[in-house]
Amino acid sequence: MSTQKTRGLTNNYLNGNTTSMLLVYGNRKEMKKAIGTMESLPLASDAIINNRATNISESLIKLNRKAFKKDPAIVFEQYSELIEQTLMLAQTVSKHGSKELNPLGQKLSTVMMEVILPLTEYVGQMRGMGSGIVAKGMITKTQKAHMQALAYEVDVHTTQLIADIKKISSSNQKSFNSELDAKLDSISRASKNYITLTNNEVIQKKKINFDTDEYFNKGTDLISLVIDVYNINNKVILDDSKGWL
């Protein structure tokens, strides 16, 4: 998630919001920590997985060094490509690890990898691209089409997440705590509000006059809510595994 944040803040900075520079450097440090954690996982000893993780981390480090000197659109695309590779690697690792899980764990793991992580990335892209557009105060036709597509994906994946988790939790009520429904409701509201904000203040405006930091932060708040549900699911998986995972 720190890589997604670095991408968005970098785009924000390159489009005129100079105050985001220090935040970029702070998130780069968090990114390095996250990469170190990924490389230290047990499955990282697998030669193929380790090689892919190393290639991604080296590419991110190189991109960080050159990002401020490149065109904003190119930098955004390059970060997005590396994030996509990271998500694909996470899905590969998850498939290896989920083979030994009980049915509940396997279902939750599938939702976490195929719905939750892609949702955080669609919101992350919308947050990052949108905040750059707001910082610049104008939107191109290409950007408008891209933002409309992202808003659609956020809506679809939010609906899918809520439906999937409610279906699983209703059949396994003892495994989930009472805060889950409230979290899902918060995600639904935050997602709808962010899409509406994006349409009204970014996509439909000829001259954009919205606070770029506020736009970025609202996206971050939505991602945080989604990650809360990810963590709830992860705890359920660990509890369901009876400690052997």
Protein backbone atom coordinates (compact mmCIF):
# COMPACT_ATOMS: atom_id res chain seq x y z
CA MET A 1 0.00 0.00 0.00
CA SER A 2 2.97 2.32 0.57
CA THR A 3 3.89 1.88 -3.11
CA GLN A 4 0.39 2.94 -4.14
CA LYS A 5 0.65 5.96 -1.87
CA THR A 6 4.10 6.85 -3.23
CA ARG A 7 2.72 6.72 -6.77
CA GLY A 8 -0.16 9.04 -5.92
CA LEU A 9 1.89 11.53 -3.94
CA THR A 10 4.55 11.62 -6.67
CA ASN A 11 1.88 12.36 -9.27
CA ASN A 12 0.47 15.02 -6.97
CA TYR A 13 3.90 16.64 -6.60
CA LEU A 14 4.75 16.49 -10.31
CA ASN A 15 1.44 18.20 -11.14
CA GLY A 16 2.16 21.19 -8.92
CA ASN A 17 1.49 20.28 -5.26
CA THR A 18 5.04 20.88 -4.00
CA THR A 19 4.05 20.33 -0.35
CA SER A 20 3.67 16.59 -1.01
CA MET A 21 7.42 16.11 -1.57
CA LEU A 22 8.22 15.24 2.05
CA LEU A 23 5.32 12.78 2.11
CA VAL A 24 6.79 11.07 -0.96
CA TYR A 25 10.10 10.51 0.82
CA GLY A 26 8.32 9.21 3.92
CA ASN A 27 6.33 6.67 1.93
CA ARG A 28 9.44 5.55 0.05
CA LYS A 29 10.89 4.51 3.42
CA GLU A 30 7.72 2.57 4.23
CA MET A 31 7.94 0.96 0.79
CA LYS A 32 11.45 -0.32 1.53
CA LYS A 33 10.22 -1.84 4.79
CA ALA A 34 7.32 -3.55 2.98
CA ILE A 35 9.67 -4.97 0.35
CA GLY A 36 11.94 -6.31 3.08
CA THR A 37 8.96 -7.99 4.76
CA MET A 38 7.87 -9.58 1.49
CA GLU A 39 11.36 -10.92 0.80
CA SER A 40 11.59 -12.40 4.31
CA LEU A 41 8.41 -14.49 4.05
CA PRO A 42 8.88 -18.29 4.08
CA LEU A 43 7.74 -18.70 0.47
CA ALA A 44 10.40 -16.20 -0.62
CA SER A 45 12.84 -19.11 -0.37
CA ASP A 46 11.19 -20.45 -3.53
CA ALA A 47 13.65 -19.52 -6.31
CA ILE A 48 11.02 -18.28 -8.77
CA ILE A 49 9.12 -16.22 -6.20
CA ASN A 50 12.33 -14.80 -4.75
CA ASN A 51 13.57 -13.81 -8.21
CA ARG A 52 10.31 -12.04 -9.05
CA ALA A 53 10.29 -10.22 -5.70
CA THR A 54 13.89 -9.11 -6.18
CA ASN A 55 13.22 -7.84 -9.71
CA ILE A 56 10.20 -5.84 -8.52
CA SER A 57 12.07 -4.32 -5.57
CA GLU A 58 15.06 -3.34 -7.73
CA SER A 59 12.77 -1.76 -10.32
CA LEU A 60 10.94 0.23 -7.64
CA ILE A 61 14.19 1.52 -6.18
CA LYS A 62 15.36 2.65 -9.64
CA LEU A 63 12.01 4.30 -10.35
CA ASN A 64 12.09 6.15 -7.02
CA ARG A 65 15.47 7.64 -7.94
CA LYS A 66 14.30 8.93 -11.32
CA ALA A 67 10.62 9.70 -10.65
CA PHE A 68 10.93 13.44 -10.01
CA LYS A 69 12.74 13.92 -13.34
CA LYS A 70 10.18 12.17 -15.52
CA ASP A 71 6.85 13.04 -17.12
CA PRO A 72 4.01 12.58 -14.56
CA ALA A 73 1.92 10.30 -16.80
CA ILE A 74 4.90 8.03 -17.56
CA VAL A 75 5.88 7.79 -13.88
CA PHE A 76 2.30 6.97 -12.90
CA GLU A 77 2.12 4.21 -15.51
CA GLN A 78 5.47 2.74 -14.46
CA TYR A 79 4.49 2.63 -10.78
CA SER A 80 1.15 1.05 -11.76
CA GLU A 81 2.88 -1.68 -13.79
CA LEU A 82 5.12 -2.57 -10.83
CA ILE A 83 2.16 -2.55 -8.43
CA GLU A 84 0.31 -4.92 -10.78
CA GLN A 85 3.33 -7.23 -10.76
CA THR A 86 3.39 -7.08 -6.94
CA LEU A 87 -0.31 -7.98 -6.73
CA MET A 88 0.19 -10.88 -9.12
CA LEU A 89 3.07 -12.11 -6.97
CA ALA A 90 0.91 -11.82 -3.84
CA GLN A 91 -1.80 -13.88 -5.57
CA THR A 92 0.77 -16.54 -6.50
CA VAL A 93 2.05 -16.73 -2.92
CA SER A 94 -1.51 -16.88 -1.62
CA LYS A 95 -2.43 -19.80 -3.91
CA HIS A 96 0.57 -21.71 -2.60
CA GLY A 97 -0.37 -21.04 1.01
CA SER A 98 -4.13 -21.53 0.74
CA LYS A 99 -3.91 -25.16 -0.38
CA GLU A 100 -3.72 -26.32 3.23
CA LEU A 101 -6.55 -24.09 4.49
CA ASN A 102 -10.02 -25.22 5.52
CA PRO A 103 -12.92 -24.32 3.16
CA LEU A 104 -13.66 -21.10 5.09
CA GLY A 105 -10.04 -19.99 4.81
CA GLN A 106 -9.91 -20.80 1.11
CA LYS A 107 -13.06 -18.77 0.40
CA LEU A 108 -11.81 -15.76 2.35
CA SER A 109 -8.36 -16.00 0.79
CA THR A 110 -9.93 -15.93 -2.68
CA VAL A 111 -11.94 -12.80 -1.85
CA MET A 112 -8.90 -11.12 -0.31
CA MET A 113 -6.73 -11.73 -3.37
CA GLU A 114 -9.29 -11.41 -6.17
CA VAL A 115 -11.56 -8.66 -4.84
CA ILE A 116 -10.04 -6.75 -1.91
CA LEU A 117 -6.52 -6.19 -3.26
CA PRO A 118 -7.75 -5.20 -6.75
CA LEU A 119 -10.24 -2.80 -5.08
CA THR A 120 -7.44 -1.09 -3.14
CA GLU A 121 -5.52 -0.71 -6.40
CA TYR A 122 -8.47 0.79 -8.32
CA VAL A 123 -9.07 3.25 -5.47
CA GLY A 124 -5.32 3.89 -5.31
CA GLN A 125 -5.19 4.69 -9.02
CA MET A 126 -8.25 6.94 -8.77
CA ARG A 127 -6.75 8.69 -5.74
CA GLY A 128 -3.33 9.11 -7.36
CA MET A 129 -4.45 10.17 -10.81
CA GLY A 130 -7.30 12.28 -9.48
CA SER A 131 -5.18 14.20 -7.00
CA GLY A 132 -2.71 15.02 -9.78
CA ILE A 133 -5.56 16.29 -11.96
CA VAL A 134 -6.91 18.39 -9.10
CA ALA A 135 -3.42 19.76 -8.36
CA LYS A 136 -3.09 20.85 -12.00
CA GLY A 137 -6.63 22.24 -12.10
CA MET A 138 -7.62 20.65 -15.40
CA ILE A 139 -8.44 17.27 -16.93
CA THR A 140 -7.78 15.93 -20.44
CA LYS A 141 -10.20 13.78 -22.44
CA THR A 142 -7.91 10.76 -21.96
CA GLN A 143 -7.76 11.33 -18.21
CA LYS A 144 -11.52 11.78 -18.05
CA ALA A 145 -12.09 8.41 -19.75
CA HIS A 146 -9.55 6.74 -17.45
CA MET A 147 -11.12 8.22 -14.33
CA GLN A 148 -14.60 7.13 -15.45
CA ALA A 149 -13.30 3.58 -15.95
CA LEU A 150 -11.67 3.60 -12.51
CA ALA A 151 -14.83 4.89 -10.84
CA TYR A 152 -16.76 2.05 -12.50
CA GLU A 153 -14.27 -0.57 -11.27
CA VAL A 154 -14.36 0.84 -7.73
CA ASP A 155 -18.17 0.60 -7.75
CA VAL A 156 -18.20 -2.96 -9.12
CA HIS A 157 -15.52 -4.27 -6.76
CA THR A 158 -17.08 -2.58 -3.72
CA THR A 159 -20.42 -4.25 -4.50
CA GLN A 160 -18.67 -7.60 -5.06
CA LEU A 161 -16.69 -7.33 -1.81
CA ILE A 162 -19.74 -6.61 0.31
CA ALA A 163 -21.80 -9.38 -1.34
CA ASP A 164 -19.03 -11.99 -1.01
CA ILE A 165 -18.17 -11.23 2.62
CA LYS A 166 -21.82 -11.10 3.70
CA LYS A 167 -22.47 -14.45 2.05
CA ILE A 168 -19.46 -16.08 3.72
CA SER A 169 -20.05 -14.51 7.14
CA SER A 170 -23.76 -15.42 7.18
CA SER A 171 -22.77 -19.10 6.88
CA ASN A 172 -20.01 -18.78 9.49
CA GLN A 173 -21.43 -16.30 12.02
CA LYS A 174 -19.42 -17.65 14.97
CA SER A 175 -16.15 -16.86 13.18
CA PHE A 176 -16.86 -13.14 12.67
CA ASN A 177 -17.23 -10.40 15.25
CA SER A 178 -20.00 -7.82 15.41
CA GLU A 179 -17.95 -4.99 13.86
CA LEU A 180 -17.89 -6.56 10.39
CA ASP A 181 -21.32 -5.31 9.25
CA ALA A 182 -20.51 -1.78 10.41
CA LYS A 183 -17.23 -1.88 8.48
CA LEU A 184 -18.98 -3.06 5.32
CA ASP A 185 -21.57 -0.29 5.65
CA SER A 186 -18.77 2.26 6.08
CA ILE A 187 -17.04 0.94 2.95
CA SER A 188 -20.28 1.19 0.98
CA ARG A 189 -20.86 4.81 2.04
CA ALA A 190 -17.24 5.89 1.60
CA SER A 191 -17.04 4.29 -1.84
CA LYS A 192 -20.26 5.93 -3.08
CA ASN A 193 -19.17 9.30 -1.66
CA TYR A 194 -15.73 9.08 -3.28
CA ILE A 195 -17.19 8.15 -6.66
CA THR A 196 -19.69 11.02 -6.40
CA LEU A 197 -16.92 13.44 -5.41
CA THR A 198 -14.81 12.24 -8.33
CA ASN A 199 -17.66 12.70 -10.80
CA ASN A 200 -18.73 16.11 -9.48
CA GLU A 201 -15.38 17.74 -8.71
CA VAL A 202 -12.96 16.06 -11.13
CA ILE A 203 -14.55 14.39 -14.14
CA GLN A 204 -17.38 16.84 -14.86
CA LYS A 205 -15.60 20.12 -14.10
CA LYS A 206 -13.99 22.17 -16.88
CA LYS A 207 -12.02 24.17 -14.35
CA ILE A 208 -11.19 22.16 -11.24
CA ASN A 209 -11.03 24.07 -7.97
CA PHE A 210 -10.95 21.41 -5.25
CA ASP A 211 -8.36 20.79 -2.55
CA THR A 212 -5.93 18.14 -3.83
CA ASP A 213 -4.92 16.99 -0.33
CA GLU A 214 -8.56 16.50 0.66
CA TYR A 215 -9.21 14.45 -2.46
CA PHE A 216 -6.13 12.30 -1.79
CA ASN A 217 -7.01 11.81 1.88
CA LYS A 218 -10.57 10.71 1.17
CA GLY A 219 -9.18 8.00 -1.10
CA THR A 220 -6.76 6.95 1.63
CA ASP A 221 -9.64 6.75 4.12
CA LEU A 222 -11.54 4.41 1.81
CA ILE A 223 -8.50 2.19 1.32
CA SER A 224 -7.99 2.05 5.10
CA LEU A 225 -11.57 0.81 5.58
CA VAL A 226 -11.03 -1.90 2.96
CA ILE A 227 -7.77 -2.96 4.63
CA ASP A 228 -9.64 -3.20 7.96
CA VAL A 229 -11.90 -5.85 6.40
CA TYR A 230 -8.84 -7.57 4.92
CA ASN A 231 -7.34 -7.75 8.41
CA ILE A 232 -10.60 -9.06 9.91
CA ASN A 233 -10.63 -11.81 7.29
CA ASN A 234 -6.99 -12.62 7.93
CA LYS A 235 -7.69 -13.03 11.67
CA VAL A 236 -10.61 -15.34 10.88
CA ILE A 237 -8.30 -17.46 8.70
CA LEU A 238 -5.68 -17.67 11.46
CA ASP A 239 -8.31 -18.58 14.08
CA ASP A 240 -9.85 -21.14 11.73
CA SER A 241 -6.44 -22.77 11.19
CA LYS A 242 -6.21 -23.52 14.94
CA GLY A 243 -2.70 -22.11 15.10
CA TRP A 244 -1.02 -24.48 12.62
CA LEU A 245 -0.81 -21.91 9.83
